[in-house]
Amino acid sequence: QVPLVESGGGLVQAGGSLTLSCVGSGRIFSSYIMGWFRQAPGKGREYVAAISSSSTNYEDSVKGRFTISRDNAGNTVYLRMNDLKPEDTAVYYCAANPDLMRLRRQLGGTYWGQGTQVTVSS
């Protein structure tokens, strides 16, 4: 059983918006820190944002444009992306880990979704 399933990717023009969703199983979602990562063509996977039960954290390049939120009742985490830029083009992955440091460093014990493609045209 895949614990995390993303959706919501697509093609959008620069300046546009998209909202990504990630549904997790109850066991994974309720007690884990949830995060989003992305991997652009030819580059490594990089951290985007994370959310605990009480706080959020963002990578500098997305601050003020992206918003991460979670619906615990629906076992869903969202990434609202506004003012999208061509450099935001990437496969976006949902991830979960009980520890923020281990999540951000993509260390063992992290669950991953299969990814959803976001393409921003100029």
N, C-alpha and C. Protein backbone atom coordinates (compact mmCIF):
# COMPACT_ATOMS: atom_id res chain seq x y z
N GLN A 1 0.85 -1.19 0.00
CA GLN A 1 0.00 0.00 0.00
C GLN A 1 0.88 1.24 0.00
N VAL A 2 0.63 2.14 -0.97
CA VAL A 2 1.40 3.38 -1.04
C VAL A 2 0.84 4.32 -0.01
N PRO A 3 1.68 4.82 0.89
CA PRO A 3 1.16 5.66 1.97
C PRO A 3 0.84 7.09 1.58
N LEU A 4 1.44 7.61 0.52
CA LEU A 4 1.24 9.00 0.13
C LEU A 4 0.92 9.06 -1.36
N VAL A 5 -0.13 9.79 -1.72
CA VAL A 5 -0.53 9.92 -3.11
C VAL A 5 -0.76 11.40 -3.43
N GLU A 6 0.03 11.94 -4.37
CA GLU A 6 -0.10 13.34 -4.77
C GLU A 6 -1.03 13.48 -5.96
N SER A 7 -1.58 14.68 -6.09
CA SER A 7 -2.37 15.04 -7.27
C SER A 7 -2.35 16.56 -7.42
N GLY A 8 -2.81 17.05 -8.58
CA GLY A 8 -2.97 18.47 -8.76
C GLY A 8 -1.95 19.13 -9.65
N GLY A 9 -0.95 18.39 -10.10
CA GLY A 9 0.03 18.99 -11.00
C GLY A 9 -0.56 19.29 -12.36
N GLY A 10 0.20 20.01 -13.18
CA GLY A 10 -0.26 20.34 -14.52
C GLY A 10 0.58 21.40 -15.16
N LEU A 11 0.07 21.95 -16.24
CA LEU A 11 0.75 23.00 -17.00
C LEU A 11 0.06 24.32 -16.71
N VAL A 12 0.86 25.33 -16.38
CA VAL A 12 0.32 26.65 -16.06
C VAL A 12 1.25 27.71 -16.61
N GLN A 13 0.71 28.86 -16.95
CA GLN A 13 1.55 29.96 -17.42
C GLN A 13 2.21 30.67 -16.25
N ALA A 14 3.31 31.30 -16.52
CA ALA A 14 4.00 32.09 -15.50
C ALA A 14 3.04 33.11 -14.89
N GLY A 15 3.11 33.24 -13.57
CA GLY A 15 2.19 34.12 -12.86
C GLY A 15 0.92 33.44 -12.40
N GLY A 16 0.68 32.23 -12.86
CA GLY A 16 -0.51 31.49 -12.50
C GLY A 16 -0.37 30.76 -11.18
N SER A 17 -1.40 29.99 -10.84
CA SER A 17 -1.45 29.29 -9.56
C SER A 17 -1.85 27.83 -9.75
N LEU A 18 -1.40 27.00 -8.82
CA LEU A 18 -1.81 25.60 -8.75
C LEU A 18 -1.88 25.21 -7.29
N THR A 19 -2.72 24.23 -6.99
CA THR A 19 -2.76 23.66 -5.65
C THR A 19 -2.51 22.16 -5.75
N LEU A 20 -1.47 21.69 -5.09
CA LEU A 20 -1.17 20.28 -5.03
C LEU A 20 -1.80 19.68 -3.77
N SER A 21 -2.21 18.44 -3.88
CA SER A 21 -2.77 17.71 -2.74
C SER A 21 -2.01 16.42 -2.52
N CYS A 22 -1.97 15.98 -1.28
CA CYS A 22 -1.32 14.72 -0.94
C CYS A 22 -2.15 14.04 0.14
N VAL A 23 -2.64 12.87 -0.19
CA VAL A 23 -3.44 12.11 0.77
C VAL A 23 -2.58 11.02 1.38
N GLY A 24 -2.58 10.95 2.70
CA GLY A 24 -1.82 9.94 3.42
C GLY A 24 -2.73 9.00 4.20
N SER A 25 -2.17 7.87 4.57
CA SER A 25 -2.92 6.96 5.43
C SER A 25 -2.99 7.55 6.84
N GLY A 26 -3.97 7.14 7.59
CA GLY A 26 -4.14 7.68 8.94
C GLY A 26 -2.93 7.44 9.81
N ARG A 27 -2.32 6.27 9.65
CA ARG A 27 -1.16 5.95 10.49
C ARG A 27 0.00 6.89 10.18
N ILE A 28 0.18 7.20 8.89
CA ILE A 28 1.29 8.07 8.51
C ILE A 28 0.98 9.51 8.82
N PHE A 29 -0.24 9.93 8.58
CA PHE A 29 -0.53 11.35 8.57
C PHE A 29 -0.63 11.95 9.95
N SER A 30 -1.30 11.30 10.84
CA SER A 30 -1.71 11.94 12.09
C SER A 30 -0.55 12.38 12.96
N SER A 31 0.56 11.67 12.97
CA SER A 31 1.64 12.00 13.89
C SER A 31 2.93 12.42 13.18
N TYR A 32 2.88 12.60 11.87
CA TYR A 32 4.08 12.89 11.10
C TYR A 32 4.13 14.36 10.69
N ILE A 33 5.34 14.86 10.52
CA ILE A 33 5.55 16.13 9.85
C ILE A 33 5.47 15.87 8.36
N MET A 34 4.68 16.66 7.67
CA MET A 34 4.46 16.50 6.24
C MET A 34 5.24 17.57 5.48
N GLY A 35 5.76 17.18 4.34
CA GLY A 35 6.55 18.13 3.56
C GLY A 35 6.37 17.97 2.08
N TRP A 36 6.83 18.98 1.35
CA TRP A 36 6.88 18.95 -0.11
C TRP A 36 8.31 19.18 -0.56
N PHE A 37 8.70 18.43 -1.56
CA PHE A 37 10.01 18.56 -2.21
C PHE A 37 9.77 18.66 -3.70
N ARG A 38 10.81 19.06 -4.43
CA ARG A 38 10.70 19.09 -5.89
C ARG A 38 12.03 18.74 -6.51
N GLN A 39 11.93 18.21 -7.73
CA GLN A 39 13.12 17.85 -8.48
C GLN A 39 12.97 18.33 -9.91
N ALA A 40 13.80 19.30 -10.26
CA ALA A 40 13.80 19.83 -11.62
C ALA A 40 14.67 18.95 -12.52
N PRO A 41 14.46 19.00 -13.83
CA PRO A 41 15.26 18.17 -14.73
C PRO A 41 16.75 18.41 -14.55
N GLY A 42 17.50 17.34 -14.37
CA GLY A 42 18.94 17.43 -14.25
C GLY A 42 19.44 17.90 -12.89
N LYS A 43 18.54 18.05 -11.93
CA LYS A 43 18.93 18.54 -10.61
C LYS A 43 18.51 17.55 -9.53
N GLY A 44 19.06 17.73 -8.34
CA GLY A 44 18.70 16.89 -7.22
C GLY A 44 17.37 17.31 -6.62
N ARG A 45 16.81 16.45 -5.80
CA ARG A 45 15.55 16.76 -5.15
C ARG A 45 15.81 17.77 -4.03
N GLU A 46 15.00 18.83 -3.99
CA GLU A 46 15.22 19.89 -3.01
C GLU A 46 13.98 20.11 -2.15
N TYR A 47 14.21 20.57 -0.95
CA TYR A 47 13.16 20.86 0.02
C TYR A 47 12.37 22.10 -0.41
N VAL A 48 11.05 22.06 -0.19
CA VAL A 48 10.20 23.21 -0.51
C VAL A 48 9.53 23.75 0.75
N ALA A 49 8.83 22.89 1.49
CA ALA A 49 8.08 23.35 2.65
C ALA A 49 7.72 22.17 3.53
N ALA A 50 7.41 22.47 4.79
CA ALA A 50 6.98 21.43 5.73
C ALA A 50 5.98 22.01 6.70
N ILE A 51 5.16 21.12 7.28
CA ILE A 51 4.16 21.55 8.24
C ILE A 51 4.04 20.50 9.34
N SER A 52 4.07 20.99 10.58
CA SER A 52 3.82 20.14 11.73
C SER A 52 2.40 20.41 12.21
N SER A 53 2.11 20.02 13.42
CA SER A 53 0.78 20.29 13.97
C SER A 53 0.62 21.76 14.33
N SER A 54 1.76 22.49 14.43
CA SER A 54 1.66 23.85 14.95
C SER A 54 2.45 24.89 14.18
N SER A 55 3.24 24.49 13.19
CA SER A 55 4.07 25.47 12.51
C SER A 55 4.34 25.05 11.07
N THR A 56 4.79 26.03 10.29
CA THR A 56 5.18 25.81 8.91
C THR A 56 6.60 26.31 8.68
N ASN A 57 7.20 25.81 7.63
CA ASN A 57 8.58 26.16 7.30
C ASN A 57 8.71 26.13 5.79
N TYR A 58 9.44 27.12 5.24
CA TYR A 58 9.56 27.23 3.79
C TYR A 58 11.00 27.44 3.36
N GLU A 59 11.32 26.94 2.20
CA GLU A 59 12.58 27.27 1.54
C GLU A 59 12.50 28.71 1.06
N ASP A 60 13.61 29.42 1.08
CA ASP A 60 13.59 30.86 0.84
C ASP A 60 12.98 31.24 -0.50
N SER A 61 13.22 30.48 -1.54
CA SER A 61 12.78 30.89 -2.88
C SER A 61 11.26 30.83 -3.05
N VAL A 62 10.55 30.18 -2.14
CA VAL A 62 9.10 30.06 -2.28
C VAL A 62 8.35 30.86 -1.22
N LYS A 63 9.07 31.45 -0.27
CA LYS A 63 8.41 32.23 0.77
C LYS A 63 7.60 33.36 0.16
N GLY A 64 6.37 33.51 0.65
CA GLY A 64 5.51 34.55 0.14
C GLY A 64 4.73 34.15 -1.10
N ARG A 65 5.10 33.04 -1.75
CA ARG A 65 4.39 32.58 -2.94
C ARG A 65 3.67 31.26 -2.70
N PHE A 66 4.28 30.39 -1.91
CA PHE A 66 3.70 29.07 -1.64
C PHE A 66 3.17 29.02 -0.22
N THR A 67 2.08 28.27 -0.03
CA THR A 67 1.51 28.07 1.29
C THR A 67 1.22 26.59 1.50
N ILE A 68 1.76 26.04 2.57
CA ILE A 68 1.49 24.65 2.91
C ILE A 68 0.44 24.61 4.01
N SER A 69 -0.48 23.67 3.90
CA SER A 69 -1.53 23.53 4.91
C SER A 69 -1.90 22.05 5.02
N ARG A 70 -2.61 21.72 6.08
CA ARG A 70 -3.01 20.32 6.24
C ARG A 70 -4.41 20.23 6.81
N ASP A 71 -5.10 19.19 6.39
CA ASP A 71 -6.44 18.87 6.88
C ASP A 71 -6.32 17.52 7.55
N ASN A 72 -6.19 17.52 8.87
CA ASN A 72 -5.96 16.27 9.57
C ASN A 72 -7.16 15.32 9.47
N ALA A 73 -8.34 15.89 9.45
CA ALA A 73 -9.53 15.02 9.36
C ALA A 73 -9.55 14.27 8.03
N GLY A 74 -9.04 14.93 6.98
CA GLY A 74 -9.03 14.30 5.66
C GLY A 74 -7.71 13.67 5.29
N ASN A 75 -6.77 13.65 6.24
CA ASN A 75 -5.44 13.07 5.98
C ASN A 75 -4.81 13.67 4.72
N THR A 76 -4.96 14.97 4.55
CA THR A 76 -4.49 15.61 3.33
C THR A 76 -3.61 16.81 3.65
N VAL A 77 -2.53 16.96 2.91
CA VAL A 77 -1.69 18.14 2.98
C VAL A 77 -1.71 18.81 1.62
N TYR A 78 -1.74 20.13 1.63
CA TYR A 78 -1.84 20.91 0.40
C TYR A 78 -0.61 21.79 0.22
N LEU A 79 -0.34 22.13 -1.03
CA LEU A 79 0.66 23.14 -1.35
C LEU A 79 0.03 24.09 -2.35
N ARG A 80 -0.33 25.26 -1.88
CA ARG A 80 -0.88 26.28 -2.76
C ARG A 80 0.29 27.09 -3.32
N MET A 81 0.38 27.13 -4.64
CA MET A 81 1.50 27.79 -5.30
C MET A 81 0.97 28.95 -6.13
N ASN A 82 1.35 30.17 -5.75
CA ASN A 82 0.95 31.38 -6.47
C ASN A 82 2.14 32.01 -7.17
N ASP A 83 1.86 32.88 -8.13
CA ASP A 83 2.91 33.59 -8.85
C ASP A 83 4.00 32.62 -9.34
N LEU A 84 3.58 31.59 -9.99
CA LEU A 84 4.53 30.56 -10.42
C LEU A 84 5.49 31.09 -11.48
N LYS A 85 6.71 30.60 -11.44
CA LYS A 85 7.77 31.01 -12.34
C LYS A 85 8.27 29.79 -13.11
N PRO A 86 8.86 30.00 -14.27
CA PRO A 86 9.38 28.85 -15.03
C PRO A 86 10.35 28.00 -14.21
N GLU A 87 11.10 28.64 -13.32
CA GLU A 87 12.06 27.88 -12.50
C GLU A 87 11.38 27.02 -11.44
N ASP A 88 10.07 27.14 -11.29
CA ASP A 88 9.33 26.24 -10.39
C ASP A 88 8.99 24.92 -11.08
N THR A 89 9.27 24.82 -12.36
CA THR A 89 9.00 23.59 -13.09
C THR A 89 9.78 22.43 -12.49
N ALA A 90 9.07 21.37 -12.12
CA ALA A 90 9.70 20.23 -11.46
C ALA A 90 8.66 19.15 -11.20
N VAL A 91 9.14 17.98 -10.81
CA VAL A 91 8.25 16.98 -10.22
C VAL A 91 8.19 17.27 -8.73
N TYR A 92 6.98 17.40 -8.21
CA TYR A 92 6.79 17.72 -6.81
C TYR A 92 6.41 16.45 -6.04
N TYR A 93 7.10 16.23 -4.93
CA TYR A 93 6.90 15.04 -4.11
C TYR A 93 6.39 15.40 -2.72
N CYS A 94 5.46 14.64 -2.24
CA CYS A 94 5.00 14.72 -0.87
C CYS A 94 5.85 13.76 -0.04
N ALA A 95 6.13 14.13 1.21
CA ALA A 95 6.95 13.30 2.07
C ALA A 95 6.48 13.42 3.51
N ALA A 96 6.83 12.41 4.31
CA ALA A 96 6.43 12.39 5.71
C ALA A 96 7.52 11.78 6.56
N ASN A 97 7.76 12.37 7.73
CA ASN A 97 8.74 11.87 8.69
C ASN A 97 8.35 12.43 10.05
N PRO A 98 8.56 11.68 11.11
CA PRO A 98 8.22 12.22 12.43
C PRO A 98 9.13 13.35 12.88
N ASP A 99 10.31 13.49 12.24
CA ASP A 99 11.30 14.48 12.64
C ASP A 99 11.58 15.46 11.51
N LEU A 100 11.52 16.78 11.81
CA LEU A 100 11.69 17.79 10.77
C LEU A 100 13.09 17.75 10.16
N MET A 101 14.10 17.58 11.00
CA MET A 101 15.46 17.57 10.48
C MET A 101 15.68 16.39 9.53
N ARG A 102 15.19 15.24 9.92
CA ARG A 102 15.35 14.05 9.08
C ARG A 102 14.53 14.22 7.79
N LEU A 103 13.37 14.86 7.88
CA LEU A 103 12.57 15.12 6.69
C LEU A 103 13.31 16.04 5.73
N ARG A 104 13.78 17.18 6.24
CA ARG A 104 14.45 18.16 5.38
C ARG A 104 15.72 17.60 4.76
N ARG A 105 16.39 16.71 5.48
CA ARG A 105 17.63 16.13 4.96
C ARG A 105 17.38 14.84 4.18
N GLN A 106 16.09 14.48 4.03
CA GLN A 106 15.70 13.32 3.25
C GLN A 106 16.39 12.05 3.75
N LEU A 107 16.43 11.90 5.05
CA LEU A 107 17.09 10.76 5.66
C LEU A 107 16.14 9.57 5.79
N GLY A 108 16.68 8.46 6.25
CA GLY A 108 15.91 7.24 6.40
C GLY A 108 14.70 7.46 7.28
N GLY A 109 13.67 6.66 7.03
CA GLY A 109 12.45 6.80 7.78
C GLY A 109 11.46 7.76 7.14
N THR A 110 11.82 8.34 5.99
CA THR A 110 10.94 9.25 5.27
C THR A 110 10.11 8.46 4.26
N TYR A 111 8.82 8.69 4.28
CA TYR A 111 7.92 8.13 3.28
C TYR A 111 7.79 9.12 2.13
N TRP A 112 7.65 8.59 0.93
CA TRP A 112 7.57 9.43 -0.27
C TRP A 112 6.36 9.04 -1.11
N GLY A 113 5.79 10.07 -1.75
CA GLY A 113 4.79 9.81 -2.77
C GLY A 113 5.46 9.57 -4.10
N GLN A 114 4.65 9.36 -5.13
CA GLN A 114 5.18 9.03 -6.45
C GLN A 114 5.52 10.28 -7.27
N GLY A 115 5.08 11.44 -6.83
CA GLY A 115 5.39 12.68 -7.53
C GLY A 115 4.31 13.12 -8.49
N THR A 116 4.22 14.43 -8.69
CA THR A 116 3.30 15.00 -9.66
C THR A 116 4.03 16.13 -10.41
N GLN A 117 3.87 16.16 -11.73
CA GLN A 117 4.61 17.10 -12.56
C GLN A 117 3.94 18.47 -12.56
N VAL A 118 4.75 19.50 -12.34
CA VAL A 118 4.32 20.89 -12.48
C VAL A 118 5.19 21.53 -13.55
N THR A 119 4.56 22.09 -14.57
CA THR A 119 5.28 22.75 -15.64
C THR A 119 4.77 24.17 -15.77
N VAL A 120 5.68 25.13 -15.69
CA VAL A 120 5.33 26.54 -15.79
C VAL A 120 5.92 27.10 -17.07
N SER A 121 5.07 27.56 -17.95
CA SER A 121 5.54 28.10 -19.23
C SER A 121 5.75 29.61 -19.13
N SER A 122 6.71 30.11 -19.88
CA SER A 122 7.01 31.55 -19.83
C SER A 122 6.20 32.31 -20.85
